């Protein structure tokens, strides 16, 4: 899995990666929840999950297109954002593997 800064993001708060299109959502959401994320809702095919903990990072998943966006908590200090994205990215890779959502 390759996490990269989202197009047009200048503040280091928005990151993206590709996942398998149409992943098994029940299994994937279970994997997110097992790692401390809470499902906030689904609308128009978009799934929103928030990380529990000191920093409220958000994951937005569009299953049909296989797009995942990570939005770091705005309180993340600027100088820590790249490292925090890498840390969360490692966790996301584990979750995506457990949820059978890594791209082929």
N, C-alpha and C. Protein backbone atom coordinates (compact mmCIF):
# COMPACT_ATOMS: atom_id res chain seq x y z
N UNK A 1 0.84 -1.18 0.00
CA UNK A 1 0.00 0.00 0.00
C UNK A 1 0.88 1.23 0.00
N UNK A 2 0.55 2.19 -0.82
CA UNK A 2 1.33 3.42 -0.92
C UNK A 2 0.45 4.60 -0.51
N UNK A 3 0.79 5.21 0.62
CA UNK A 3 0.07 6.39 1.10
C UNK A 3 0.82 7.62 0.63
N UNK A 4 0.11 8.53 -0.03
CA UNK A 4 0.76 9.75 -0.52
C UNK A 4 -0.11 10.96 -0.21
N UNK A 5 0.54 12.09 -0.17
CA UNK A 5 -0.20 13.33 0.09
C UNK A 5 -1.23 13.53 -1.01
N UNK A 6 -2.43 13.91 -0.62
CA UNK A 6 -3.51 14.08 -1.58
C UNK A 6 -3.21 15.27 -2.50
N UNK A 7 -3.73 15.20 -3.69
CA UNK A 7 -3.54 16.27 -4.67
C UNK A 7 -4.02 17.59 -4.10
N UNK A 8 -3.22 18.60 -4.21
CA UNK A 8 -3.62 19.92 -3.77
C UNK A 8 -3.48 20.16 -2.27
N UNK A 9 -3.04 19.16 -1.52
CA UNK A 9 -2.90 19.34 -0.07
C UNK A 9 -1.57 20.04 0.22
N UNK A 10 -1.66 21.20 0.82
CA UNK A 10 -0.45 21.97 1.15
C UNK A 10 -0.14 21.94 2.63
N UNK A 11 -1.08 21.46 3.42
CA UNK A 11 -0.91 21.50 4.88
C UNK A 11 -0.46 20.17 5.47
N UNK A 12 -0.41 19.12 4.66
CA UNK A 12 0.00 17.81 5.15
C UNK A 12 -1.06 17.10 5.97
N UNK A 13 -2.31 17.51 5.86
CA UNK A 13 -3.38 16.89 6.63
C UNK A 13 -4.16 15.84 5.85
N UNK A 14 -4.09 15.86 4.53
CA UNK A 14 -4.90 14.97 3.71
C UNK A 14 -4.01 14.06 2.88
N UNK A 15 -4.23 12.75 3.03
CA UNK A 15 -3.42 11.73 2.38
C UNK A 15 -4.35 10.75 1.68
N UNK A 16 -3.83 9.99 0.72
CA UNK A 16 -4.68 9.06 0.00
C UNK A 16 -3.92 7.81 -0.38
N UNK A 17 -4.69 6.76 -0.65
CA UNK A 17 -4.14 5.53 -1.22
C UNK A 17 -5.26 4.82 -1.95
N UNK A 18 -4.87 3.85 -2.73
CA UNK A 18 -5.85 3.04 -3.46
C UNK A 18 -6.05 1.72 -2.73
N UNK A 19 -7.28 1.26 -2.72
CA UNK A 19 -7.62 -0.05 -2.17
C UNK A 19 -8.34 -0.83 -3.26
N UNK A 20 -8.57 -2.08 -2.99
CA UNK A 20 -9.30 -2.92 -3.95
C UNK A 20 -10.70 -2.36 -4.14
N UNK A 21 -11.13 -2.22 -5.38
CA UNK A 21 -12.50 -1.75 -5.64
C UNK A 21 -13.48 -2.81 -5.15
N UNK A 22 -14.56 -2.36 -4.57
CA UNK A 22 -15.61 -3.23 -4.03
C UNK A 22 -15.06 -4.27 -3.05
N UNK A 23 -14.34 -3.83 -2.02
CA UNK A 23 -13.84 -4.79 -1.03
C UNK A 23 -15.00 -5.35 -0.21
N UNK A 24 -14.78 -6.46 0.50
CA UNK A 24 -15.84 -7.01 1.37
C UNK A 24 -16.04 -6.07 2.56
N UNK A 25 -17.03 -5.21 2.48
CA UNK A 25 -17.18 -4.12 3.44
C UNK A 25 -17.40 -4.57 4.88
N UNK A 26 -18.17 -5.61 5.10
CA UNK A 26 -18.38 -6.08 6.48
C UNK A 26 -17.05 -6.46 7.12
N UNK A 27 -16.27 -7.21 6.38
CA UNK A 27 -14.96 -7.64 6.89
C UNK A 27 -14.02 -6.45 7.09
N UNK A 28 -14.05 -5.51 6.16
CA UNK A 28 -13.17 -4.35 6.24
C UNK A 28 -13.55 -3.45 7.43
N UNK A 29 -14.83 -3.20 7.60
CA UNK A 29 -15.28 -2.37 8.73
C UNK A 29 -14.95 -3.06 10.05
N UNK A 30 -15.12 -4.38 10.12
CA UNK A 30 -14.73 -5.12 11.33
C UNK A 30 -13.24 -4.93 11.62
N UNK A 31 -12.41 -4.96 10.58
CA UNK A 31 -10.97 -4.77 10.77
C UNK A 31 -10.67 -3.36 11.28
N UNK A 32 -11.33 -2.35 10.73
CA UNK A 32 -11.14 -0.99 11.22
C UNK A 32 -11.55 -0.89 12.69
N UNK A 33 -12.70 -1.43 13.02
CA UNK A 33 -13.18 -1.34 14.40
C UNK A 33 -12.28 -2.10 15.37
N UNK A 34 -11.70 -3.21 14.93
CA UNK A 34 -10.78 -3.97 15.78
C UNK A 34 -9.52 -3.18 16.11
N UNK A 35 -9.22 -2.18 15.28
CA UNK A 35 -8.03 -1.35 15.49
C UNK A 35 -8.37 0.05 16.00
N UNK A 36 -9.55 0.20 16.60
CA UNK A 36 -9.88 1.44 17.29
C UNK A 36 -10.57 2.51 16.47
N UNK A 37 -11.09 2.16 15.30
CA UNK A 37 -11.84 3.13 14.51
C UNK A 37 -13.32 2.91 14.77
N UNK A 38 -14.10 3.97 14.65
CA UNK A 38 -15.54 3.91 14.84
C UNK A 38 -16.23 4.32 13.55
N UNK A 39 -17.15 3.51 13.09
CA UNK A 39 -17.93 3.84 11.90
C UNK A 39 -18.82 5.02 12.23
N UNK A 40 -18.68 6.11 11.48
CA UNK A 40 -19.48 7.31 11.70
C UNK A 40 -20.70 7.36 10.80
N UNK A 41 -20.64 6.61 9.72
CA UNK A 41 -21.80 6.59 8.84
C UNK A 41 -21.42 6.27 7.41
N UNK A 42 -22.45 6.00 6.64
CA UNK A 42 -22.31 5.73 5.22
C UNK A 42 -23.38 6.53 4.49
N UNK A 43 -22.97 7.21 3.44
CA UNK A 43 -23.96 7.91 2.62
C UNK A 43 -23.43 8.01 1.20
N UNK A 44 -24.31 7.78 0.26
CA UNK A 44 -23.98 7.83 -1.16
C UNK A 44 -22.77 6.96 -1.49
N UNK A 45 -22.64 5.82 -0.80
CA UNK A 45 -21.55 4.90 -1.07
C UNK A 45 -20.23 5.28 -0.46
N UNK A 46 -20.20 6.30 0.38
CA UNK A 46 -18.98 6.76 1.02
C UNK A 46 -19.04 6.36 2.50
N UNK A 47 -17.97 5.74 2.99
CA UNK A 47 -17.90 5.26 4.36
C UNK A 47 -16.96 6.18 5.15
N UNK A 48 -17.43 6.67 6.30
CA UNK A 48 -16.63 7.54 7.16
C UNK A 48 -16.32 6.82 8.46
N UNK A 49 -15.04 6.79 8.83
CA UNK A 49 -14.60 6.17 10.08
C UNK A 49 -13.69 7.14 10.80
N UNK A 50 -13.83 7.21 12.12
CA UNK A 50 -12.97 8.06 12.94
C UNK A 50 -12.10 7.20 13.83
N UNK A 51 -10.84 7.62 14.00
CA UNK A 51 -9.94 6.93 14.93
C UNK A 51 -10.25 7.38 16.34
N UNK A 52 -10.30 6.44 17.25
CA UNK A 52 -10.46 6.77 18.66
C UNK A 52 -9.07 7.04 19.23
N UNK A 53 -8.99 7.92 20.18
CA UNK A 53 -7.70 8.21 20.80
C UNK A 53 -7.49 9.70 20.95
N UNK A 54 -6.25 10.07 21.21
CA UNK A 54 -5.92 11.47 21.43
C UNK A 54 -6.18 12.32 20.19
N UNK A 55 -5.86 11.78 19.03
CA UNK A 55 -6.06 12.51 17.79
C UNK A 55 -7.17 11.84 17.00
N UNK A 56 -8.11 12.64 16.55
CA UNK A 56 -9.28 12.12 15.86
C UNK A 56 -9.07 12.14 14.34
N UNK A 57 -8.23 11.24 13.87
CA UNK A 57 -8.02 11.12 12.43
C UNK A 57 -9.28 10.53 11.81
N UNK A 58 -9.52 10.84 10.57
CA UNK A 58 -10.71 10.34 9.87
C UNK A 58 -10.27 9.60 8.61
N UNK A 59 -10.95 8.50 8.33
CA UNK A 59 -10.74 7.74 7.09
C UNK A 59 -12.03 7.81 6.30
N UNK A 60 -11.90 8.17 5.04
CA UNK A 60 -13.04 8.22 4.14
C UNK A 60 -12.76 7.22 3.03
N UNK A 61 -13.68 6.29 2.85
CA UNK A 61 -13.49 5.21 1.90
C UNK A 61 -14.61 5.22 0.88
N UNK A 62 -14.23 5.16 -0.39
CA UNK A 62 -15.19 5.06 -1.48
C UNK A 62 -15.01 3.68 -2.11
N UNK A 63 -15.80 2.70 -1.65
CA UNK A 63 -15.59 1.32 -2.09
C UNK A 63 -15.70 1.12 -3.61
N UNK A 64 -16.61 1.80 -4.26
CA UNK A 64 -16.80 1.60 -5.70
C UNK A 64 -15.56 1.96 -6.52
N UNK A 65 -14.86 3.00 -6.10
CA UNK A 65 -13.69 3.45 -6.86
C UNK A 65 -12.38 2.94 -6.27
N UNK A 66 -12.43 2.40 -5.05
CA UNK A 66 -11.20 1.93 -4.43
C UNK A 66 -10.33 3.06 -3.92
N UNK A 67 -10.92 4.15 -3.52
CA UNK A 67 -10.15 5.29 -3.01
C UNK A 67 -10.32 5.39 -1.50
N UNK A 68 -9.20 5.59 -0.83
CA UNK A 68 -9.20 5.82 0.60
C UNK A 68 -8.50 7.14 0.87
N UNK A 69 -9.11 7.97 1.69
CA UNK A 69 -8.49 9.25 2.07
C UNK A 69 -8.33 9.26 3.59
N UNK A 70 -7.15 9.62 4.01
CA UNK A 70 -6.85 9.80 5.43
C UNK A 70 -6.79 11.30 5.69
N UNK A 71 -7.57 11.74 6.66
CA UNK A 71 -7.53 13.14 7.07
C UNK A 71 -6.99 13.20 8.50
N UNK A 72 -5.78 13.70 8.62
CA UNK A 72 -5.19 13.81 9.94
C UNK A 72 -5.94 14.86 10.76
N UNK A 73 -5.99 14.64 12.05
CA UNK A 73 -6.59 15.60 12.98
C UNK A 73 -5.88 16.95 12.80
N UNK A 74 -6.64 18.01 12.72
CA UNK A 74 -6.06 19.34 12.49
C UNK A 74 -5.15 19.80 13.62
N UNK A 75 -5.24 19.15 14.79
CA UNK A 75 -4.37 19.54 15.90
C UNK A 75 -2.98 18.90 15.80
N UNK A 76 -2.77 18.03 14.81
CA UNK A 76 -1.46 17.41 14.62
C UNK A 76 -0.46 18.52 14.27
N UNK A 77 0.60 18.68 15.07
CA UNK A 77 1.57 19.74 14.77
C UNK A 77 2.15 19.59 13.37
N UNK A 78 2.34 20.71 12.71
CA UNK A 78 2.80 20.72 11.32
C UNK A 78 4.06 19.87 11.14
N UNK A 79 5.00 20.00 12.05
CA UNK A 79 6.28 19.30 11.90
C UNK A 79 6.16 17.79 12.13
N UNK A 80 5.03 17.32 12.64
CA UNK A 80 4.82 15.90 12.91
C UNK A 80 3.91 15.23 11.88
N UNK A 81 3.38 15.97 10.94
CA UNK A 81 2.35 15.43 10.05
C UNK A 81 2.84 14.32 9.14
N UNK A 82 4.03 14.47 8.55
CA UNK A 82 4.53 13.40 7.68
C UNK A 82 4.75 12.11 8.47
N UNK A 83 5.36 12.23 9.64
CA UNK A 83 5.61 11.05 10.48
C UNK A 83 4.30 10.43 10.97
N UNK A 84 3.34 11.26 11.32
CA UNK A 84 2.04 10.76 11.78
C UNK A 84 1.31 10.05 10.65
N UNK A 85 1.38 10.61 9.45
CA UNK A 85 0.75 9.95 8.29
C UNK A 85 1.41 8.60 8.03
N UNK A 86 2.72 8.52 8.16
CA UNK A 86 3.42 7.25 7.97
C UNK A 86 3.02 6.24 9.05
N UNK A 87 2.89 6.70 10.29
CA UNK A 87 2.48 5.82 11.38
C UNK A 87 1.08 5.27 11.14
N UNK A 88 0.15 6.16 10.80
CA UNK A 88 -1.23 5.73 10.55
C UNK A 88 -1.28 4.89 9.27
N UNK A 89 -0.45 5.23 8.30
CA UNK A 89 -0.40 4.45 7.07
C UNK A 89 0.00 3.01 7.31
N UNK A 90 0.94 2.78 8.23
CA UNK A 90 1.33 1.42 8.59
C UNK A 90 0.15 0.66 9.19
N UNK A 91 -0.60 1.34 10.05
CA UNK A 91 -1.79 0.74 10.63
C UNK A 91 -2.84 0.46 9.55
N UNK A 92 -3.02 1.41 8.64
CA UNK A 92 -4.00 1.23 7.57
C UNK A 92 -3.64 0.02 6.69
N UNK A 93 -2.35 -0.16 6.42
CA UNK A 93 -1.92 -1.30 5.61
C UNK A 93 -2.31 -2.61 6.29
N UNK A 94 -2.12 -2.67 7.61
CA UNK A 94 -2.49 -3.88 8.36
C UNK A 94 -4.01 -4.09 8.30
N UNK A 95 -4.76 -3.01 8.49
CA UNK A 95 -6.23 -3.10 8.45
C UNK A 95 -6.71 -3.55 7.07
N UNK A 96 -6.14 -2.97 6.03
CA UNK A 96 -6.56 -3.32 4.67
C UNK A 96 -6.23 -4.77 4.35
N UNK A 97 -5.09 -5.24 4.85
CA UNK A 97 -4.75 -6.65 4.63
C UNK A 97 -5.74 -7.57 5.35
N UNK A 98 -6.04 -7.23 6.61
CA UNK A 98 -7.00 -8.04 7.38
C UNK A 98 -8.39 -7.99 6.75
N UNK A 99 -8.75 -6.84 6.18
CA UNK A 99 -10.06 -6.68 5.56
C UNK A 99 -10.12 -7.09 4.12
N UNK A 100 -9.03 -7.71 3.62
CA UNK A 100 -8.96 -8.19 2.24
C UNK A 100 -9.25 -7.08 1.24
N UNK A 101 -8.64 -5.91 1.47
CA UNK A 101 -8.93 -4.76 0.63
C UNK A 101 -7.70 -4.20 -0.09
N UNK A 102 -6.55 -4.87 0.04
CA UNK A 102 -5.38 -4.39 -0.68
C UNK A 102 -5.58 -4.60 -2.18
N UNK A 103 -5.11 -3.66 -2.99
CA UNK A 103 -5.28 -3.84 -4.42
C UNK A 103 -4.43 -5.02 -4.92
N UNK A 104 -4.87 -5.65 -6.01
CA UNK A 104 -4.12 -6.81 -6.52
C UNK A 104 -2.76 -6.41 -7.06
